[in-house]
Amino acid sequence: MATKRITFRLYPNKKQANQLHQWRKLHCLLYNACIANRKTQYKQFGHSVDYFEQQNCLPEFKKVWEEYKPLGSQALQATIKRVDFAFQRFFKLKSGYPKFKASRRYKGWTYPSPSGWSIESSGHHGHLTLNNLGKIQIRGKARDWGIPNSCTIIYKQEKWYASTTVACDTTRPTTDIGAIGLDFGVNHAIATSNEELIDNPRFLKQSQEKIKQLSKKSRRKRAPNKKKTKAFRRWLKARKAVSKIQSKVARQRQDWQHQISSKIVSDNSLIATEKLNLKGMTRKAKG
């Protein structure tokens, strides 16, 4: 059995969408409260708060803040665990000190086990049911389907998604054609051992001029600032147009990657790659 992650697009109605936004905001407030609690306890009392201490406070927390009751205990625990993970990375010097998140930048929350949600699908479209919310239509296609284990609700580019992990038996293409070696670059995306060069389609470059024009328009509009000045509708409209193009570029890039990887896997029984620091290679945009 293998574990695979499958992402479906959600289509909530207006009432459900408003409730999802409210739940996302509540998870964001909990995330920020956990960071503030750790910070205050250490600064004032020299006490390091851990995950279990904050988790054990949830029953009393929900008695005071009753709006958190419909969200489910395990989903709230997962948000607290997310804070703990951020601090563990900080202690291991892998990232900076965890920061507070604005609600508009907080993407979503997780159900870490099959509790509080269920999915009716065979891997091809279907419905997602969330406790205290109801049934939501989903669209998406999975190559392999099995038993759902966890679900993450995500909001990005003004669209809702459900990313689920499933335990399944994988279907592998059978081929004995041969072996291939791959080398990754910047000027060319992939160079194969068969002397084939696969060029980078550079979808962003194709849309760069349009993004520049729209970004220039948004800079002329009134934007929100730290003094809580409300943004003009024209600014929001311009930013939405930029976000729409960037989302399209991301989908084009992802689709191209899936097509290339599927072709390589179906044509070869053995694939070898060199261990490279791709982030370091692309930093100066030179191969």
Protein backbone atom coordinates (compact mmCIF):
# COMPACT_ATOMS: atom_id res chain seq x y z
CA MET A 1 0.00 0.00 0.00
CA ALA A 2 1.19 3.50 -0.84
CA THR A 3 0.01 6.92 0.31
CA LYS A 4 -0.90 9.43 -2.39
CA ARG A 5 -2.12 13.02 -2.24
CA ILE A 6 -5.00 14.01 -4.51
CA THR A 7 -6.38 17.54 -4.87
CA PHE A 8 -10.00 18.25 -5.78
CA ARG A 9 -11.61 21.58 -6.64
CA LEU A 10 -14.47 22.53 -4.29
CA TYR A 11 -17.68 24.20 -5.44
CA PRO A 12 -19.43 25.48 -2.27
CA ASN A 13 -22.61 27.52 -2.45
CA LYS A 14 -22.62 31.11 -1.17
CA LYS A 15 -23.62 30.17 2.39
CA GLN A 16 -21.01 27.41 2.58
CA ALA A 17 -18.30 29.69 1.16
CA ASN A 18 -19.02 32.32 3.82
CA GLN A 19 -18.80 29.65 6.53
CA LEU A 20 -15.52 28.33 5.12
CA HIS A 21 -14.07 31.85 5.20
CA GLN A 22 -15.21 32.23 8.82
CA TRP A 23 -13.59 28.92 9.80
CA ARG A 24 -10.38 29.88 8.02
CA LYS A 25 -10.29 33.14 9.97
CA LEU A 26 -10.87 31.30 13.27
CA HIS A 27 -8.00 28.89 12.53
CA CYS A 28 -5.79 31.88 11.74
CA LEU A 29 -6.69 33.54 15.06
CA LEU A 30 -5.90 30.29 16.90
CA TYR A 31 -2.55 30.03 15.10
CA ASN A 32 -1.63 33.60 16.11
CA ALA A 33 -2.86 33.05 19.68
CA CYS A 34 -0.62 29.99 20.06
CA ILE A 35 2.42 31.98 18.89
CA ALA A 36 1.56 34.86 21.25
CA ASN A 37 1.11 32.42 24.15
CA ARG A 38 4.53 30.83 23.61
CA LYS A 39 6.19 34.22 23.20
CA THR A 40 4.59 35.74 26.34
CA GLN A 41 5.21 32.71 28.56
CA TYR A 42 8.90 32.59 27.67
CA LYS A 43 9.52 36.36 27.93
CA GLN A 44 7.69 36.92 31.22
CA PHE A 45 8.16 33.61 33.04
CA GLY A 46 11.00 31.83 31.20
CA HIS A 47 8.63 28.94 30.52
CA SER A 48 8.77 27.08 27.19
CA VAL A 49 5.27 26.04 26.15
CA ASP A 50 5.05 22.81 24.13
CA TYR A 51 2.39 21.29 21.89
CA PHE A 52 0.78 19.09 24.55
CA GLU A 53 0.33 21.98 26.97
CA GLN A 54 -1.54 24.03 24.37
CA GLN A 55 -3.52 21.01 23.18
CA ASN A 56 -4.73 20.27 26.73
CA CYS A 57 -6.11 23.83 26.95
CA LEU A 58 -8.52 23.26 24.04
CA PRO A 59 -11.53 22.00 26.10
CA GLU A 60 -11.47 25.09 28.35
CA PHE A 61 -10.70 27.29 25.35
CA LYS A 62 -13.84 26.11 23.53
CA LYS A 63 -15.99 26.77 26.61
CA VAL A 64 -15.01 30.44 26.44
CA TRP A 65 -14.87 30.79 22.64
CA GLU A 66 -17.95 28.79 21.63
CA GLU A 67 -17.57 29.68 17.94
CA TYR A 68 -14.72 27.14 17.80
CA LYS A 69 -16.92 24.16 18.73
CA PRO A 70 -18.18 23.42 15.16
CA LEU A 71 -14.58 23.28 13.84
CA GLY A 72 -13.78 19.91 15.43
CA SER A 73 -11.14 19.06 18.04
CA GLN A 74 -8.75 17.26 15.69
CA ALA A 75 -8.71 20.12 13.18
CA LEU A 76 -7.89 22.56 16.01
CA GLN A 77 -5.16 20.21 17.27
CA ALA A 78 -3.67 20.13 13.76
CA THR A 79 -3.46 23.95 13.75
CA ILE A 80 -1.66 23.88 17.12
CA LYS A 81 0.65 21.17 15.74
CA ARG A 82 1.40 23.46 12.80
CA VAL A 83 2.63 26.12 15.26
CA ASP A 84 4.74 23.51 17.06
CA PHE A 85 6.27 22.40 13.75
CA ALA A 86 7.20 26.03 12.95
CA PHE A 87 8.94 26.39 16.33
CA GLN A 88 10.76 23.06 15.91
CA ARG A 89 12.15 24.29 12.60
CA PHE A 90 13.24 27.52 14.33
CA PHE A 91 15.01 25.61 17.12
CA LYS A 92 16.84 23.50 14.51
CA LEU A 93 17.94 26.72 12.72
CA LYS A 94 16.05 25.73 9.57
CA SER A 95 13.86 28.84 9.50
CA GLY A 96 13.26 32.15 11.27
CA TYR A 97 11.11 32.83 14.31
CA PRO A 98 7.43 32.04 13.57
CA LYS A 99 5.46 35.13 12.61
CA PHE A 100 1.84 36.11 13.00
CA LYS A 101 -0.26 35.56 9.88
CA ALA A 102 -2.83 37.89 8.35
CA SER A 103 -6.18 36.20 7.78
CA ARG A 104 -6.10 37.04 4.07
CA ARG A 105 -2.81 35.13 3.74
CA TYR A 106 -3.83 32.13 5.85
CA LYS A 107 -4.58 29.38 3.34
CA GLY A 108 -6.54 26.78 5.29
CA TRP A 109 -6.63 23.98 7.84
CA THR A 110 -6.26 20.21 8.11
CA TYR A 111 -8.31 17.25 9.31
CA PRO A 112 -5.47 14.83 10.25
CA SER A 113 -7.70 11.73 10.44
CA PRO A 114 -11.02 10.53 8.95
CA SER A 115 -12.95 12.43 11.65
CA GLY A 116 -15.09 15.49 10.99
CA TRP A 117 -15.27 14.89 7.25
CA SER A 118 -16.05 12.24 4.65
CA ILE A 119 -15.70 12.00 0.90
CA GLU A 120 -18.05 10.29 -1.54
CA SER A 121 -15.98 9.55 -4.61
CA SER A 122 -14.36 6.77 -6.56
CA GLY A 123 -11.53 9.10 -7.58
CA HIS A 124 -13.57 10.84 -10.27
CA HIS A 125 -15.55 13.87 -8.98
CA GLY A 126 -18.03 13.39 -6.11
CA HIS A 127 -18.93 15.16 -2.85
CA LEU A 128 -17.09 16.20 0.31
CA THR A 129 -19.05 16.37 3.57
CA LEU A 130 -17.76 18.51 6.45
CA ASN A 131 -19.36 18.28 9.89
CA ASN A 132 -21.57 21.30 10.70
CA LEU A 133 -21.36 22.50 7.09
CA GLY A 134 -22.88 19.88 4.80
CA LYS A 135 -22.15 18.36 1.42
CA ILE A 136 -19.95 20.21 -1.09
CA GLN A 137 -19.53 19.26 -4.74
CA ILE A 138 -15.96 18.36 -5.76
CA ARG A 139 -14.35 17.90 -9.15
CA GLY A 140 -11.09 16.16 -9.91
CA LYS A 141 -9.61 12.95 -11.21
CA ALA A 142 -7.30 10.52 -9.41
CA ARG A 143 -5.06 8.01 -11.14
CA ASP A 144 -5.31 5.68 -8.11
CA TRP A 145 -7.97 5.67 -5.41
CA GLY A 146 -8.18 4.03 -2.01
CA ILE A 147 -9.03 4.76 1.62
CA PRO A 148 -8.99 8.51 2.52
CA ASN A 149 -6.84 9.28 5.59
CA SER A 150 -6.62 13.07 5.92
CA CYS A 151 -8.00 16.20 4.29
CA THR A 152 -6.64 19.74 3.99
CA ILE A 153 -8.97 22.58 3.01
CA ILE A 154 -7.11 25.22 0.97
CA TYR A 155 -8.12 28.66 -0.29
CA LYS A 156 -5.97 30.21 -3.01
CA GLN A 157 -6.59 32.52 -5.95
CA GLU A 158 -10.19 32.90 -4.71
CA LYS A 159 -10.89 29.19 -5.19
CA TRP A 160 -11.42 26.39 -2.67
CA TYR A 161 -9.61 23.05 -2.83
CA ALA A 162 -9.59 19.82 -0.81
CA SER A 163 -6.24 18.00 -0.72
CA THR A 164 -6.73 14.44 0.53
CA THR A 165 -4.28 11.64 1.26
CA VAL A 166 -5.39 8.10 0.38
CA ALA A 167 -3.91 4.68 1.08
CA CYS A 168 -4.04 2.82 -2.23
CA ASP A 169 -2.49 0.15 -4.42
CA THR A 170 -0.56 1.96 -7.14
CA THR A 171 -0.84 1.03 -10.79
CA ARG A 172 2.57 1.13 -12.42
CA PRO A 173 3.13 1.06 -16.19
CA THR A 174 4.95 -2.11 -17.25
CA THR A 175 7.86 -1.43 -19.56
CA ASP A 176 11.21 -3.10 -20.20
CA ILE A 177 12.40 -0.61 -22.79
CA GLY A 178 15.55 0.47 -21.00
CA ALA A 179 17.16 3.06 -18.76
CA ILE A 180 17.72 6.80 -18.97
CA GLY A 181 19.72 9.40 -17.07
CA LEU A 182 18.45 12.95 -16.50
CA ASP A 183 20.38 16.14 -15.81
CA PHE A 184 18.47 19.28 -14.80
CA GLY A 185 19.49 22.75 -15.90
CA VAL A 186 18.20 26.29 -16.30
CA ASN A 187 18.67 27.17 -19.97
CA HIS A 188 17.31 23.70 -20.81
CA ALA A 189 14.91 22.10 -18.35
CA ILE A 190 16.21 18.54 -18.86
CA ALA A 191 19.12 16.95 -20.70
CA THR A 192 18.81 13.18 -21.14
CA SER A 193 21.50 10.55 -21.58
CA ASN A 194 20.07 10.02 -25.09
CA GLU A 195 21.37 13.51 -25.99
CA GLU A 196 17.85 14.93 -26.03
CA LEU A 197 17.33 18.47 -24.74
CA ILE A 198 13.93 19.39 -23.32
CA ASP A 199 13.47 23.16 -23.31
CA ASN A 200 11.82 25.13 -20.55
CA PRO A 201 8.57 26.57 -22.01
CA ARG A 202 8.87 29.68 -19.76
CA PHE A 203 5.16 30.31 -19.35
CA LEU A 204 5.82 33.24 -17.01
CA LYS A 205 7.87 35.07 -19.64
CA GLN A 206 4.99 34.78 -22.10
CA SER A 207 2.63 36.51 -19.63
CA GLN A 208 5.17 38.92 -18.10
CA GLU A 209 4.18 41.94 -20.19
CA LYS A 210 0.51 41.61 -19.29
CA ILE A 211 1.36 41.19 -15.59
CA LYS A 212 3.51 44.35 -15.71
CA GLN A 213 0.68 46.37 -17.24
CA LEU A 214 -1.85 45.19 -14.66
CA SER A 215 0.61 45.69 -11.78
CA LYS A 216 1.22 49.24 -12.98
CA LYS A 217 -2.53 49.87 -12.90
CA SER A 218 -2.82 48.51 -9.36
CA ARG A 219 -0.03 50.82 -8.12
CA ARG A 220 -2.14 53.82 -9.18
CA LYS A 221 -5.04 52.67 -7.02
CA ARG A 222 -5.51 53.08 -3.30
CA ALA A 223 -4.19 50.02 -1.48
CA PRO A 224 -4.79 48.91 2.15
CA ASN A 225 -2.08 49.76 4.68
CA LYS A 226 -1.21 49.18 8.32
CA LYS A 227 -3.65 51.91 9.42
CA LYS A 228 -6.51 49.70 8.19
CA THR A 229 -7.35 51.97 5.28
CA LYS A 230 -9.89 50.19 3.13
CA ALA A 231 -8.75 49.44 -0.41
CA PHE A 232 -10.65 50.85 -3.36
CA ARG A 233 -12.60 48.40 -5.50
CA ARG A 234 -10.45 49.31 -8.51
CA TRP A 235 -7.31 48.19 -6.63
CA LEU A 236 -8.97 44.92 -5.65
CA LYS A 237 -10.09 44.39 -9.25
CA ALA A 238 -6.55 45.02 -10.59
CA ARG A 239 -4.97 42.67 -8.01
CA LYS A 240 -7.56 40.01 -8.85
CA ALA A 241 -6.62 40.23 -12.55
CA VAL A 242 -2.90 39.79 -11.72
CA SER A 243 -3.67 36.85 -9.44
CA LYS A 244 -5.75 35.22 -12.18
CA ILE A 245 -2.85 35.33 -14.68
CA GLN A 246 -0.35 34.05 -12.10
CA SER A 247 -2.70 31.19 -11.27
CA LYS A 248 -2.96 30.30 -14.96
CA VAL A 249 0.86 30.30 -15.30
CA ALA A 250 1.14 27.96 -12.29
CA ARG A 251 -1.40 25.55 -13.82
CA GLN A 252 0.37 25.63 -17.21
CA ARG A 253 3.71 24.85 -15.53
CA GLN A 254 2.21 22.02 -13.48
CA ASP A 255 0.46 20.51 -16.50
CA TRP A 256 3.69 20.61 -18.54
CA GLN A 257 5.64 18.93 -15.71
CA HIS A 258 3.06 16.14 -15.46
CA GLN A 259 3.12 15.54 -19.23
CA ILE A 260 6.93 15.36 -19.39
CA SER A 261 7.28 13.16 -16.30
CA SER A 262 4.53 10.78 -17.49
CA LYS A 263 6.21 10.38 -20.87
CA ILE A 264 9.62 9.66 -19.30
CA VAL A 265 8.17 7.12 -16.86
CA SER A 266 6.12 5.31 -19.52
CA ASP A 267 9.11 5.04 -21.88
CA ASN A 268 11.72 3.82 -19.38
CA SER A 269 11.98 1.13 -16.71
CA LEU A 270 14.97 2.74 -14.93
CA ILE A 271 15.48 6.49 -14.37
CA ALA A 272 18.61 7.96 -12.78
CA THR A 273 19.11 11.59 -11.72
CA GLU A 274 21.94 13.54 -10.16
CA LYS A 275 21.42 15.01 -6.70
CA LEU A 276 21.45 18.75 -7.35
CA ASN A 277 20.71 21.93 -5.41
CA LEU A 278 18.07 23.24 -7.83
CA LYS A 279 17.30 26.32 -5.73
CA GLY A 280 20.94 27.33 -5.79
CA MET A 281 21.15 26.71 -9.53
CA THR A 282 18.15 28.87 -10.36
CA ARG A 283 19.12 31.72 -8.03
CA LYS A 284 21.24 33.43 -10.70
CA ALA A 285 19.27 32.01 -13.63
CA LYS A 286 22.35 30.45 -15.21
CA GLY A 287 23.02 26.77 -15.84
